[in-house]
């Protein structure tokens, strides 16, 4: 298996935390209220997610309401855990240490940007899985969208709780994803190159090795299913639970698709790919549910071989015929 350069994740966390702005200013009473309301929303979202997904058990997880700096520290811990499984080189010489700190600084800079966008995240890769809710970002976005705070906070939690149910239904999913990630970076060093003809349509077109492109496609397919499934399920809860759901969804989608400098940053960091995963995965889930219902869609979480391929994500009938 390919050995990866060591990254000084402690330095990455320090760098990221030094770069990220704290977010909206809240007084102590407001902070206490936001934390309590997000914890309550997460607890209520679990019941609603169970009702719409028809999945029986969420993965065990601690629910943590965090600030941006704490999210950066958490994502560094998660990244360390993920890369330990695919053969990272330990730091040895002084030169190795300097290189590890340089890579850590780069990672910290990227995480400082992401920390201003992430609303919530289910993290199954650490020893004690956790559901993180980034309070400053939830407050900032709900203000930006002029959303009803109670509705928006529950809506966000519904998405993340759905991820808990996915991993609870498919306890093999964590190791499967780590295996795919290992395949992506196994063998030759992951290399990028400009395609011979035309402009690249996606990050995939820049990956030079065919085997690694195949692994990238498999990762994309799994993430598309998971993100699209969570998006569809949070919408299936609907106005009976989230009264202002329709206006939240419309405003949030417009924000996702916004152009300008933010769009350039999204492309640079690969966040445009995540937007495609939401869109393509949601359309896959929507078509399967319309054709055969939620229980049949849930078969995708029964075994690795029942996960849709990337071709099937784009043509759900292929998946339905196969299963």
C-alpha atoms as a PDB file:
ATOM      1  CA  UNK A   1       0.000   0.000   0.000  1.00  0.00           C
ATOM      2  CA  UNK A   2       1.176   3.505  -0.819  1.00  0.00           C
ATOM      3  CA  UNK A   3       2.864   5.251   2.113  1.00  0.00           C
ATOM      4  CA  UNK A   4       1.662   8.803   2.618  1.00  0.00           C
ATOM      5  CA  UNK A   5       3.804  11.727   3.728  1.00  0.00           C
ATOM      6  CA  UNK A   6       3.323  12.447   7.412  1.00  0.00           C
ATOM      7  CA  UNK A   7       1.120  15.391   8.346  1.00  0.00           C
ATOM      8  CA  UNK A   8       1.582  17.126  11.669  1.00  0.00           C
ATOM      9  CA  UNK A   9      -2.100  17.182  12.624  1.00  0.00           C
ATOM     10  CA  UNK A  10      -1.430  18.966  15.907  1.00  0.00           C
ATOM     11  CA  UNK A  11       0.205  21.785  13.950  1.00  0.00           C
ATOM     12  CA  UNK A  12      -2.652  21.684  11.413  1.00  0.00           C
ATOM     13  CA  UNK A  13      -5.162  22.237  14.212  1.00  0.00           C
ATOM     14  CA  UNK A  14      -3.103  25.111  15.630  1.00  0.00           C
ATOM     15  CA  UNK A  15      -2.760  26.729  12.193  1.00  0.00           C
ATOM     16  CA  UNK A  16      -6.435  26.369  11.376  1.00  0.00           C
ATOM     17  CA  UNK A  17      -7.584  27.707  14.722  1.00  0.00           C
ATOM     18  CA  UNK A  18      -5.304  30.737  14.367  1.00  0.00           C
ATOM     19  CA  UNK A  19      -6.773  31.557  10.946  1.00  0.00           C
ATOM     20  CA  UNK A  20     -10.494  31.000  11.402  1.00  0.00           C
ATOM     21  CA  UNK A  21     -12.697  33.917  12.528  1.00  0.00           C
ATOM     22  CA  UNK A  22     -14.973  33.114  15.480  1.00  0.00           C
ATOM     23  CA  UNK A  23     -18.250  33.900  13.726  1.00  0.00           C
ATOM     24  CA  UNK A  24     -21.287  35.885  14.920  1.00  0.00           C
ATOM     25  CA  UNK A  25     -20.953  37.668  18.227  1.00  0.00           C
ATOM     26  CA  UNK A  26     -23.271  36.226  20.866  1.00  0.00           C
ATOM     27  CA  UNK A  27     -23.512  37.074  24.543  1.00  0.00           C
ATOM     28  CA  UNK A  28     -23.231  34.260  27.113  1.00  0.00           C
ATOM     29  CA  UNK A  29     -27.001  33.912  27.466  1.00  0.00           C
ATOM     30  CA  UNK A  30     -27.431  33.607  23.696  1.00  0.00           C
ATOM     31  CA  UNK A  31     -24.667  31.011  23.490  1.00  0.00           C
ATOM     32  CA  UNK A  32     -26.294  28.951  26.242  1.00  0.00           C
ATOM     33  CA  UNK A  33     -29.659  29.130  24.469  1.00  0.00           C
ATOM     34  CA  UNK A  34     -28.249  28.131  21.065  1.00  0.00           C
ATOM     35  CA  UNK A  35     -26.386  25.146  22.544  1.00  0.00           C
ATOM     36  CA  UNK A  36     -29.493  23.953  24.399  1.00  0.00           C
ATOM     37  CA  UNK A  37     -31.747  24.382  21.373  1.00  0.00           C
ATOM     38  CA  UNK A  38     -29.358  22.502  19.077  1.00  0.00           C
ATOM     39  CA  UNK A  39     -29.101  19.624  21.543  1.00  0.00           C
ATOM     40  CA  UNK A  40     -32.887  19.490  21.787  1.00  0.00           C
ATOM     41  CA  UNK A  41     -33.223  19.655  17.978  1.00  0.00           C
ATOM     42  CA  UNK A  42     -30.809  16.737  17.588  1.00  0.00           C
ATOM     43  CA  UNK A  43     -32.792  14.634  20.059  1.00  0.00           C
ATOM     44  CA  UNK A  44     -36.086  15.378  18.280  1.00  0.00           C
ATOM     45  CA  UNK A  45     -34.539  14.856  14.846  1.00  0.00           C
ATOM     46  CA  UNK A  46     -33.602  11.273  15.722  1.00  0.00           C
ATOM     47  CA  UNK A  47     -37.272  10.315  16.124  1.00  0.00           C
ATOM     48  CA  UNK A  48     -38.307  12.043  12.892  1.00  0.00           C
ATOM     49  CA  UNK A  49     -35.386  10.542  10.941  1.00  0.00           C
ATOM     50  CA  UNK A  50     -36.407   7.070  12.080  1.00  0.00           C
ATOM     51  CA  UNK A  51     -39.972   7.676  10.895  1.00  0.00           C
ATOM     52  CA  UNK A  52     -39.069   8.826   7.368  1.00  0.00           C
ATOM     53  CA  UNK A  53     -36.045   6.622   6.648  1.00  0.00           C
ATOM     54  CA  UNK A  54     -37.655   3.410   7.962  1.00  0.00           C
ATOM     55  CA  UNK A  55     -34.174   2.500   9.200  1.00  0.00           C
ATOM     56  CA  UNK A  56     -34.205   0.894  12.620  1.00  0.00           C
ATOM     57  CA  UNK A  57     -31.066   1.922  14.472  1.00  0.00           C
ATOM     58  CA  UNK A  58     -28.814   4.978  14.504  1.00  0.00           C
ATOM     59  CA  UNK A  59     -25.106   4.498  15.018  1.00  0.00           C
ATOM     60  CA  UNK A  60     -24.024   5.276  18.598  1.00  0.00           C
ATOM     61  CA  UNK A  61     -22.643   8.808  18.773  1.00  0.00           C
ATOM     62  CA  UNK A  62     -22.087  11.686  21.148  1.00  0.00           C
ATOM     63  CA  UNK A  63     -23.868  14.893  20.119  1.00  0.00           C
ATOM     64  CA  UNK A  64     -21.447  17.806  20.483  1.00  0.00           C
ATOM     65  CA  UNK A  65     -22.293  21.467  19.886  1.00  0.00           C
ATOM     66  CA  UNK A  66     -18.997  23.133  18.985  1.00  0.00           C
ATOM     67  CA  UNK A  67     -17.427  26.353  17.775  1.00  0.00           C
ATOM     68  CA  UNK A  68     -15.341  26.644  14.598  1.00  0.00           C
ATOM     69  CA  UNK A  69     -11.998  26.134  16.313  1.00  0.00           C
ATOM     70  CA  UNK A  70     -13.225  22.958  17.982  1.00  0.00           C
ATOM     71  CA  UNK A  71     -14.531  21.651  14.659  1.00  0.00           C
ATOM     72  CA  UNK A  72     -11.049  22.167  13.171  1.00  0.00           C
ATOM     73  CA  UNK A  73      -9.456  20.214  16.007  1.00  0.00           C
ATOM     74  CA  UNK A  74     -12.057  17.479  15.534  1.00  0.00           C
ATOM     75  CA  UNK A  75     -11.567  17.189  11.780  1.00  0.00           C
ATOM     76  CA  UNK A  76      -7.794  16.948  12.327  1.00  0.00           C
ATOM     77  CA  UNK A  77      -8.379  14.078  14.753  1.00  0.00           C
ATOM     78  CA  UNK A  78     -10.643  12.395  12.214  1.00  0.00           C
ATOM     79  CA  UNK A  79      -8.140  12.900   9.384  1.00  0.00           C
ATOM     80  CA  UNK A  80      -5.365  11.403  11.507  1.00  0.00           C
ATOM     81  CA  UNK A  81      -7.553   8.358  12.248  1.00  0.00           C
ATOM     82  CA  UNK A  82      -8.451   7.895   8.584  1.00  0.00           C
ATOM     83  CA  UNK A  83      -4.879   8.163   7.320  1.00  0.00           C
ATOM     84  CA  UNK A  84      -3.529   5.816   9.965  1.00  0.00           C
ATOM     85  CA  UNK A  85      -5.472   3.094   8.211  1.00  0.00           C
ATOM     86  CA  UNK A  86      -3.788   3.685   4.855  1.00  0.00           C
ATOM     87  CA  UNK A  87      -0.136   3.794   5.847  1.00  0.00           C
ATOM     88  CA  UNK A  88       1.071   7.277   6.723  1.00  0.00           C
ATOM     89  CA  UNK A  89       4.840   7.622   7.153  1.00  0.00           C
ATOM     90  CA  UNK A  90       5.908   8.553  10.661  1.00  0.00           C
ATOM     91  CA  UNK A  91       8.012  11.655  11.096  1.00  0.00           C
ATOM     92  CA  UNK A  92      11.705  10.829  11.537  1.00  0.00           C
ATOM     93  CA  UNK A  93      14.391  13.348  10.601  1.00  0.00           C
ATOM     94  CA  UNK A  94      14.290  17.100  11.084  1.00  0.00           C
ATOM     95  CA  UNK A  95      13.516  17.444   7.378  1.00  0.00           C
ATOM     96  CA  UNK A  96      10.577  15.047   7.743  1.00  0.00           C
ATOM     97  CA  UNK A  97       9.344  17.092  10.685  1.00  0.00           C
ATOM     98  CA  UNK A  98       9.557  20.333   8.722  1.00  0.00           C
ATOM     99  CA  UNK A  99       7.721  18.732   5.811  1.00  0.00           C
ATOM    100  CA  UNK A 100       5.021  17.415   8.160  1.00  0.00           C
ATOM    101  CA  UNK A 101       4.511  20.903   9.611  1.00  0.00           C
ATOM    102  CA  UNK A 102       4.318  22.416   6.115  1.00  0.00           C
ATOM    103  CA  UNK A 103       1.640  19.916   5.137  1.00  0.00           C
ATOM    104  CA  UNK A 104      -0.088  20.596   8.438  1.00  0.00           C
ATOM    105  CA  UNK A 105      -0.118  24.329   7.717  1.00  0.00           C
ATOM    106  CA  UNK A 106      -1.691  23.685   4.321  1.00  0.00           C
ATOM    107  CA  UNK A 107      -4.335  21.406   5.826  1.00  0.00           C
ATOM    108  CA  UNK A 108      -5.042  23.927   8.564  1.00  0.00           C
ATOM    109  CA  UNK A 109      -5.581  26.666   5.993  1.00  0.00           C
ATOM    110  CA  UNK A 110      -8.088  24.549   4.081  1.00  0.00           C
ATOM    111  CA  UNK A 111      -9.888  23.554   7.278  1.00  0.00           C
ATOM    112  CA  UNK A 112     -10.077  27.212   8.346  1.00  0.00           C
ATOM    113  CA  UNK A 113     -12.070  27.944   5.180  1.00  0.00           C
ATOM    114  CA  UNK A 114     -14.278  24.870   5.547  1.00  0.00           C
ATOM    115  CA  UNK A 115     -14.903  25.640   9.223  1.00  0.00           C
ATOM    116  CA  UNK A 116     -16.838  28.726   8.176  1.00  0.00           C
ATOM    117  CA  UNK A 117     -19.251  26.659   6.045  1.00  0.00           C
ATOM    118  CA  UNK A 118     -19.898  23.389   7.870  1.00  0.00           C
ATOM    119  CA  UNK A 119     -23.227  23.313   9.718  1.00  0.00           C
ATOM    120  CA  UNK A 120     -23.016  19.787  11.039  1.00  0.00           C
ATOM    121  CA  UNK A 121     -21.107  16.568  10.527  1.00  0.00           C
ATOM    122  CA  UNK A 122     -21.459  12.959  11.598  1.00  0.00           C
ATOM    123  CA  UNK A 123     -17.956  11.620  12.159  1.00  0.00           C
ATOM    124  CA  UNK A 124     -17.738   7.801  12.281  1.00  0.00           C
ATOM    125  CA  UNK A 125     -13.963   7.574  11.849  1.00  0.00           C
ATOM    126  CA  UNK A 126     -12.770   8.347  15.373  1.00  0.00           C
ATOM    127  CA  UNK A 127     -12.781   5.836  18.230  1.00  0.00           C
ATOM    128  CA  UNK A 128     -15.887   7.412  19.778  1.00  0.00           C
ATOM    129  CA  UNK A 129     -18.165   8.465  16.860  1.00  0.00           C
ATOM    130  CA  UNK A 130     -19.749  11.873  17.238  1.00  0.00           C
ATOM    131  CA  UNK A 131     -22.285  14.179  15.672  1.00  0.00           C
ATOM    132  CA  UNK A 132     -20.869  17.710  15.528  1.00  0.00           C
ATOM    133  CA  UNK A 133     -23.108  20.784  15.247  1.00  0.00           C
ATOM    134  CA  UNK A 134     -21.182  23.982  14.512  1.00  0.00           C
ATOM    135  CA  UNK A 135     -23.215  26.584  16.394  1.00  0.00           C
ATOM    136  CA  UNK A 136     -21.685  29.804  14.951  1.00  0.00           C
ATOM    137  CA  UNK A 137     -22.331  28.635  11.393  1.00  0.00           C
ATOM    138  CA  UNK A 138     -25.892  27.570  12.121  1.00  0.00           C
ATOM    139  CA  UNK A 139     -26.589  31.013  13.585  1.00  0.00           C
ATOM    140  CA  UNK A 140     -24.819  32.814  10.731  1.00  0.00           C
ATOM    141  CA  UNK A 141     -26.696  30.937   7.995  1.00  0.00           C
ATOM    142  CA  UNK A 142     -30.100  31.166   9.621  1.00  0.00           C
ATOM    143  CA  UNK A 143     -29.597  34.917   9.889  1.00  0.00           C
ATOM    144  CA  UNK A 144     -28.412  35.136   6.295  1.00  0.00           C
ATOM    145  CA  UNK A 145     -31.455  33.203   5.075  1.00  0.00           C
ATOM    146  CA  UNK A 146     -33.847  35.007   7.448  1.00  0.00           C
ATOM    147  CA  UNK A 147     -34.952  31.554   8.586  1.00  0.00           C
ATOM    148  CA  UNK A 148     -36.996  30.718  11.672  1.00  0.00           C
ATOM    149  CA  UNK A 149     -34.220  29.612  14.049  1.00  0.00           C
ATOM    150  CA  UNK A 150     -36.099  26.684  15.621  1.00  0.00           C
ATOM    151  CA  UNK A 151     -37.093  25.341  12.194  1.00  0.00           C
ATOM    152  CA  UNK A 152     -33.648  25.760  10.667  1.00  0.00           C
ATOM    153  CA  UNK A 153     -31.868  24.088  13.577  1.00  0.00           C
ATOM    154  CA  UNK A 154     -34.170  21.075  13.418  1.00  0.00           C
ATOM    155  CA  UNK A 155     -33.765  20.924   9.617  1.00  0.00           C
ATOM    156  CA  UNK A 156     -29.968  20.821   9.941  1.00  0.00           C
ATOM    157  CA  UNK A 157     -30.130  18.117  12.602  1.00  0.00           C
ATOM    158  CA  UNK A 158     -32.414  15.977  10.445  1.00  0.00           C
ATOM    159  CA  UNK A 159     -29.694  15.722   7.798  1.00  0.00           C
ATOM    160  CA  UNK A 160     -26.980  14.706  10.258  1.00  0.00           C
ATOM    161  CA  UNK A 161     -29.213  12.282  12.153  1.00  0.00           C
ATOM    162  CA  UNK A 162     -29.996  10.570   8.845  1.00  0.00           C
ATOM    163  CA  UNK A 163     -26.266   9.916   8.450  1.00  0.00           C
ATOM    164  CA  UNK A 164     -26.303   8.277  11.886  1.00  0.00           C
ATOM    165  CA  UNK A 165     -29.058   5.941  10.708  1.00  0.00           C
ATOM    166  CA  UNK A 166     -27.133   5.117   7.537  1.00  0.00           C
ATOM    167  CA  UNK A 167     -24.092   3.991   9.505  1.00  0.00           C
ATOM    168  CA  UNK A 168     -26.279   2.238  12.066  1.00  0.00           C
ATOM    169  CA  UNK A 169     -28.034   0.244   9.343  1.00  0.00           C
ATOM    170  CA  UNK A 170     -24.723  -0.465   7.607  1.00  0.00           C
ATOM    171  CA  UNK A 171     -22.063  -0.979  10.318  1.00  0.00           C
ATOM    172  CA  UNK A 172     -19.723  -2.154   7.553  1.00  0.00           C
ATOM    173  CA  UNK A 173     -19.902   1.250   5.840  1.00  0.00           C
ATOM    174  CA  UNK A 174     -17.063   2.802   7.847  1.00  0.00           C
ATOM    175  CA  UNK A 175     -14.533   0.119   6.889  1.00  0.00           C
ATOM    176  CA  UNK A 176     -15.862   0.072   3.330  1.00  0.00           C
ATOM    177  CA  UNK A 177     -15.205   3.784   2.924  1.00  0.00           C
ATOM    178  CA  UNK A 178     -11.747   3.464   4.458  1.00  0.00           C
ATOM    179  CA  UNK A 179     -11.039   0.630   2.031  1.00  0.00           C
ATOM    180  CA  UNK A 180     -12.109   2.713  -0.953  1.00  0.00           C
ATOM    181  CA  UNK A 181      -9.977   5.576   0.269  1.00  0.00           C
ATOM    182  CA  UNK A 182      -7.057   3.190   0.575  1.00  0.00           C
ATOM    183  CA  UNK A 183      -7.605   2.005  -3.015  1.00  0.00           C
ATOM    184  CA  UNK A 184      -7.640   5.606  -4.181  1.00  0.00           C
ATOM    185  CA  UNK A 185      -4.142   6.221  -2.853  1.00  0.00           C
ATOM    186  CA  UNK A 186      -2.739   2.681  -3.137  1.00  0.00           C
ATOM    187  CA  UNK A 187      -0.077   1.648  -5.603  1.00  0.00           C
ATOM    188  CA  UNK A 188       1.339   4.576  -7.484  1.00  0.00           C
ATOM    189  CA  UNK A 189       1.331   8.000  -5.922  1.00  0.00           C
ATOM    190  CA  UNK A 190      -1.956   9.789  -6.601  1.00  0.00           C
ATOM    191  CA  UNK A 191      -1.127  11.881  -9.648  1.00  0.00           C
ATOM    192  CA  UNK A 192      -2.962  14.654 -11.424  1.00  0.00           C
ATOM    193  CA  UNK A 193      -2.546  15.736 -15.023  1.00  0.00           C
ATOM    194  CA  UNK A 194      -4.347  17.900 -17.548  1.00  0.00           C
ATOM    195  CA  UNK A 195      -6.472  15.796 -19.957  1.00  0.00           C
ATOM    196  CA  UNK A 196      -5.175  15.552 -23.500  1.00  0.00           C
ATOM    197  CA  UNK A 197      -8.327  16.924 -25.108  1.00  0.00           C
ATOM    198  CA  UNK A 198     -10.390  19.858 -23.883  1.00  0.00           C
ATOM    199  CA  UNK A 199     -10.896  21.288 -20.432  1.00  0.00           C
ATOM    200  CA  UNK A 200     -11.480  19.003 -17.430  1.00  0.00           C
ATOM    201  CA  UNK A 201     -15.153  18.666 -16.529  1.00  0.00           C
ATOM    202  CA  UNK A 202     -14.440  17.572 -12.955  1.00  0.00           C
ATOM    203  CA  UNK A 203     -11.705  16.653 -10.479  1.00  0.00           C
ATOM    204  CA  UNK A 204     -11.957  13.071 -11.806  1.00  0.00           C
ATOM    205  CA  UNK A 205     -10.708  14.183 -15.236  1.00  0.00           C
ATOM    206  CA  UNK A 206      -7.469  15.383 -13.622  1.00  0.00           C
ATOM    207  CA  UNK A 207      -6.630  11.984 -12.054  1.00  0.00           C
ATOM    208  CA  UNK A 208      -4.104  10.360 -14.360  1.00  0.00           C
ATOM    209  CA  UNK A 209      -4.207   6.745 -13.138  1.00  0.00           C
ATOM    210  CA  UNK A 210      -7.222   4.697 -14.442  1.00  0.00           C
ATOM    211  CA  UNK A 211      -7.378   2.478 -11.340  1.00  0.00           C
ATOM    212  CA  UNK A 212      -7.470   5.542  -9.127  1.00  0.00           C
ATOM    213  CA  UNK A 213     -10.192   7.082 -11.285  1.00  0.00           C
ATOM    214  CA  UNK A 214     -12.238   3.921 -10.715  1.00  0.00           C
ATOM    215  CA  UNK A 215     -11.733   4.207  -6.948  1.00  0.00           C
ATOM    216  CA  UNK A 216     -12.660   7.892  -7.145  1.00  0.00           C
ATOM    217  CA  UNK A 217     -15.885   6.921  -8.950  1.00  0.00           C
ATOM    218  CA  UNK A 218     -16.751   4.411  -6.243  1.00  0.00           C
ATOM    219  CA  UNK A 219     -16.161   6.955  -3.478  1.00  0.00           C
ATOM    220  CA  UNK A 220     -18.256   9.503  -5.381  1.00  0.00           C
ATOM    221  CA  UNK A 221     -21.098   7.013  -5.808  1.00  0.00           C
ATOM    222  CA  UNK A 222     -21.199   6.147  -2.100  1.00  0.00           C
ATOM    223  CA  UNK A 223     -21.031   9.785  -1.022  1.00  0.00           C
ATOM    224  CA  UNK A 224     -23.710  10.727  -3.562  1.00  0.00           C
ATOM    225  CA  UNK A 225     -26.030   8.078  -2.144  1.00  0.00           C
ATOM    226  CA  UNK A 226     -25.401   9.156   1.447  1.00  0.00           C
ATOM    227  CA  UNK A 227     -25.731  12.896   0.877  1.00  0.00           C
ATOM    228  CA  UNK A 228     -28.683  12.584  -1.499  1.00  0.00           C
ATOM    229  CA  UNK A 229     -30.455  10.182   0.842  1.00  0.00           C
ATOM    230  CA  UNK A 230     -29.993  12.566   3.782  1.00  0.00           C
ATOM    231  CA  UNK A 231     -31.259  15.491   1.695  1.00  0.00           C
ATOM    232  CA  UNK A 232     -34.352  13.608   0.552  1.00  0.00           C
ATOM    233  CA  UNK A 233     -35.161  12.364   4.040  1.00  0.00           C
ATOM    234  CA  UNK A 234     -34.896  15.781   5.664  1.00  0.00           C
ATOM    235  CA  UNK A 235     -37.341  17.027   3.039  1.00  0.00           C
ATOM    236  CA  UNK A 236     -39.737  14.094   3.577  1.00  0.00           C
ATOM    237  CA  UNK A 237     -40.243  15.269   7.136  1.00  0.00           C
ATOM    238  CA  UNK A 238     -41.933  18.317   5.577  1.00  0.00           C
ATOM    239  CA  UNK A 239     -44.006  21.146   6.965  1.00  0.00           C
ATOM    240  CA  UNK A 240     -45.768  19.040   9.582  1.00  0.00           C
ATOM    241  CA  UNK A 241     -42.527  19.046  11.572  1.00  0.00           C
ATOM    242  CA  UNK A 242     -40.681  22.040  10.078  1.00  0.00           C
ATOM    243  CA  UNK A 243     -43.400  24.611   9.279  1.00  0.00           C
ATOM    244  CA  UNK A 244     -41.149  26.932   7.246  1.00  0.00           C
ATOM    245  CA  UNK A 245     -39.447  24.023   5.457  1.00  0.00           C
ATOM    246  CA  UNK A 246     -40.322  25.199   1.912  1.00  0.00           C
ATOM    247  CA  UNK A 247     -38.804  28.650   2.336  1.00  0.00           C
ATOM    248  CA  UNK A 248     -35.718  27.196   4.052  1.00  0.00           C
ATOM    249  CA  UNK A 249     -35.139  24.728   1.221  1.00  0.00           C
ATOM    250  CA  UNK A 250     -35.539  27.396  -1.473  1.00  0.00           C
ATOM    251  CA  UNK A 251     -33.227  29.879   0.232  1.00  0.00           C
ATOM    252  CA  UNK A 252     -30.650  27.216   1.101  1.00  0.00           C
ATOM    253  CA  UNK A 253     -30.478  25.887  -2.463  1.00  0.00           C
ATOM    254  CA  UNK A 254     -29.996  29.406  -3.807  1.00  0.00           C
ATOM    255  CA  UNK A 255     -27.158  29.867  -1.330  1.00  0.00           C
ATOM    256  CA  UNK A 256     -25.530  26.588  -2.433  1.00  0.00           C
ATOM    257  CA  UNK A 257     -25.664  27.679  -6.075  1.00  0.00           C
ATOM    258  CA  UNK A 258     -24.473  31.258  -5.517  1.00  0.00           C
ATOM    259  CA  UNK A 259     -21.806  32.443  -7.953  1.00  0.00           C
ATOM    260  CA  UNK A 260     -18.972  34.931  -7.585  1.00  0.00           C
ATOM    261  CA  UNK A 261     -15.880  34.639  -5.391  1.00  0.00           C
ATOM    262  CA  UNK A 262     -17.550  32.028  -3.219  1.00  0.00           C
ATOM    263  CA  UNK A 263     -18.131  29.792  -6.235  1.00  0.00           C
ATOM    264  CA  UNK A 264     -14.432  30.001  -7.138  1.00  0.00           C
ATOM    265  CA  UNK A 265     -13.476  28.946  -3.610  1.00  0.00           C
ATOM    266  CA  UNK A 266     -15.943  26.035  -3.791  1.00  0.00           C
ATOM    267  CA  UNK A 267     -14.368  24.798  -7.011  1.00  0.00           C
ATOM    268  CA  UNK A 268     -10.857  25.210  -5.600  1.00  0.00           C
ATOM    269  CA  UNK A 269     -11.707  23.129  -2.517  1.00  0.00           C
ATOM    270  CA  UNK A 270     -13.831  20.592  -4.372  1.00  0.00           C
ATOM    271  CA  UNK A 271     -17.074  21.756  -2.749  1.00  0.00           C
ATOM    272  CA  UNK A 272     -18.720  21.981  -6.172  1.00  0.00           C
ATOM    273  CA  UNK A 273     -18.282  18.202  -6.318  1.00  0.00           C
ATOM    274  CA  UNK A 274     -20.156  17.880  -3.031  1.00  0.00           C
ATOM    275  CA  UNK A 275     -22.959  19.994  -4.499  1.00  0.00           C
ATOM    276  CA  UNK A 276     -23.166  17.551  -7.401  1.00  0.00           C
ATOM    277  CA  UNK A 277     -23.291  14.680  -4.909  1.00  0.00           C
ATOM    278  CA  UNK A 278     -26.299  16.232  -3.178  1.00  0.00           C
ATOM    279  CA  UNK A 279     -28.074  16.824  -6.492  1.00  0.00           C
ATOM    280  CA  UNK A 280     -27.291  13.515  -8.209  1.00  0.00           C
ATOM    281  CA  UNK A 281     -27.789  11.402  -5.099  1.00  0.00           C
ATOM    282  CA  UNK A 282     -31.085  13.104  -4.278  1.00  0.00           C
ATOM    283  CA  UNK A 283     -32.400  12.499  -7.801  1.00  0.00           C
ATOM    284  CA  UNK A 284     -31.374   8.822  -7.576  1.00  0.00           C
ATOM    285  CA  UNK A 285     -33.208   8.416  -4.252  1.00  0.00           C
ATOM    286  CA  UNK A 286     -36.232  10.330  -5.501  1.00  0.00           C
ATOM    287  CA  UNK A 287     -36.624   8.134  -8.572  1.00  0.00           C
ATOM    288  CA  UNK A 288     -36.166   4.889  -6.641  1.00  0.00           C
ATOM    289  CA  UNK A 289     -38.693   5.937  -3.989  1.00  0.00           C
ATOM    290  CA  UNK A 290     -41.212   6.991  -6.651  1.00  0.00           C
ATOM    291  CA  UNK A 291     -40.784   3.652  -8.430  1.00  0.00           C
ATOM    292  CA  UNK A 292     -40.616   1.123  -5.593  1.00  0.00           C
ATOM    293  CA  UNK A 293     -40.706   2.916  -2.236  1.00  0.00           C
ATOM    294  CA  UNK A 294     -38.378   3.609   0.676  1.00  0.00           C
ATOM    295  CA  UNK A 295     -37.884  -0.034   1.825  1.00  0.00           C
ATOM    296  CA  UNK A 296     -36.377  -0.978  -1.538  1.00  0.00           C
ATOM    297  CA  UNK A 297     -34.103   2.082  -1.486  1.00  0.00           C
ATOM    298  CA  UNK A 298     -32.917   0.967   1.949  1.00  0.00           C
ATOM    299  CA  UNK A 299     -31.562  -2.249   0.416  1.00  0.00           C
ATOM    300  CA  UNK A 300     -28.620  -0.104  -0.728  1.00  0.00           C
ATOM    301  CA  UNK A 301     -27.463  -0.144   2.911  1.00  0.00           C
ATOM    302  CA  UNK A 302     -27.748  -3.948   3.237  1.00  0.00           C
ATOM    303  CA  UNK A 303     -24.348  -4.925   1.804  1.00  0.00           C
ATOM    304  CA  UNK A 304     -21.443  -3.363  -0.104  1.00  0.00           C
ATOM    305  CA  UNK A 305     -22.485  -5.184  -3.269  1.00  0.00           C
ATOM    306  CA  UNK A 306     -25.896  -3.484  -3.191  1.00  0.00           C
ATOM    307  CA  UNK A 307     -24.483   0.041  -3.164  1.00  0.00           C
ATOM    308  CA  UNK A 308     -25.165   1.823  -6.467  1.00  0.00           C
ATOM    309  CA  UNK A 309     -22.294   2.417  -8.851  1.00  0.00           C
ATOM    310  CA  UNK A 310     -21.703   5.877 -10.256  1.00  0.00           C
ATOM    311  CA  UNK A 311     -23.386   4.826 -13.533  1.00  0.00           C
ATOM    312  CA  UNK A 312     -26.395   3.635 -11.506  1.00  0.00           C
ATOM    313  CA  UNK A 313     -26.532   6.903  -9.568  1.00  0.00           C
ATOM    314  CA  UNK A 314     -27.063   8.624 -12.911  1.00  0.00           C
ATOM    315  CA  UNK A 315     -29.474   5.937 -14.175  1.00  0.00           C
ATOM    316  CA  UNK A 316     -31.461   4.480 -11.245  1.00  0.00           C
ATOM    317  CA  UNK A 317     -33.174   1.951 -13.515  1.00  0.00           C
ATOM    318  CA  UNK A 318     -29.829   0.172 -13.881  1.00  0.00           C
ATOM    319  CA  UNK A 319     -29.658  -0.301 -10.110  1.00  0.00           C
ATOM    320  CA  UNK A 320     -33.280  -1.414  -9.895  1.00  0.00           C
ATOM    321  CA  UNK A 321     -32.766  -4.015 -12.615  1.00  0.00           C
ATOM    322  CA  UNK A 322     -29.604  -5.285 -10.902  1.00  0.00           C
ATOM    323  CA  UNK A 323     -31.133  -5.758  -7.457  1.00  0.00           C
END
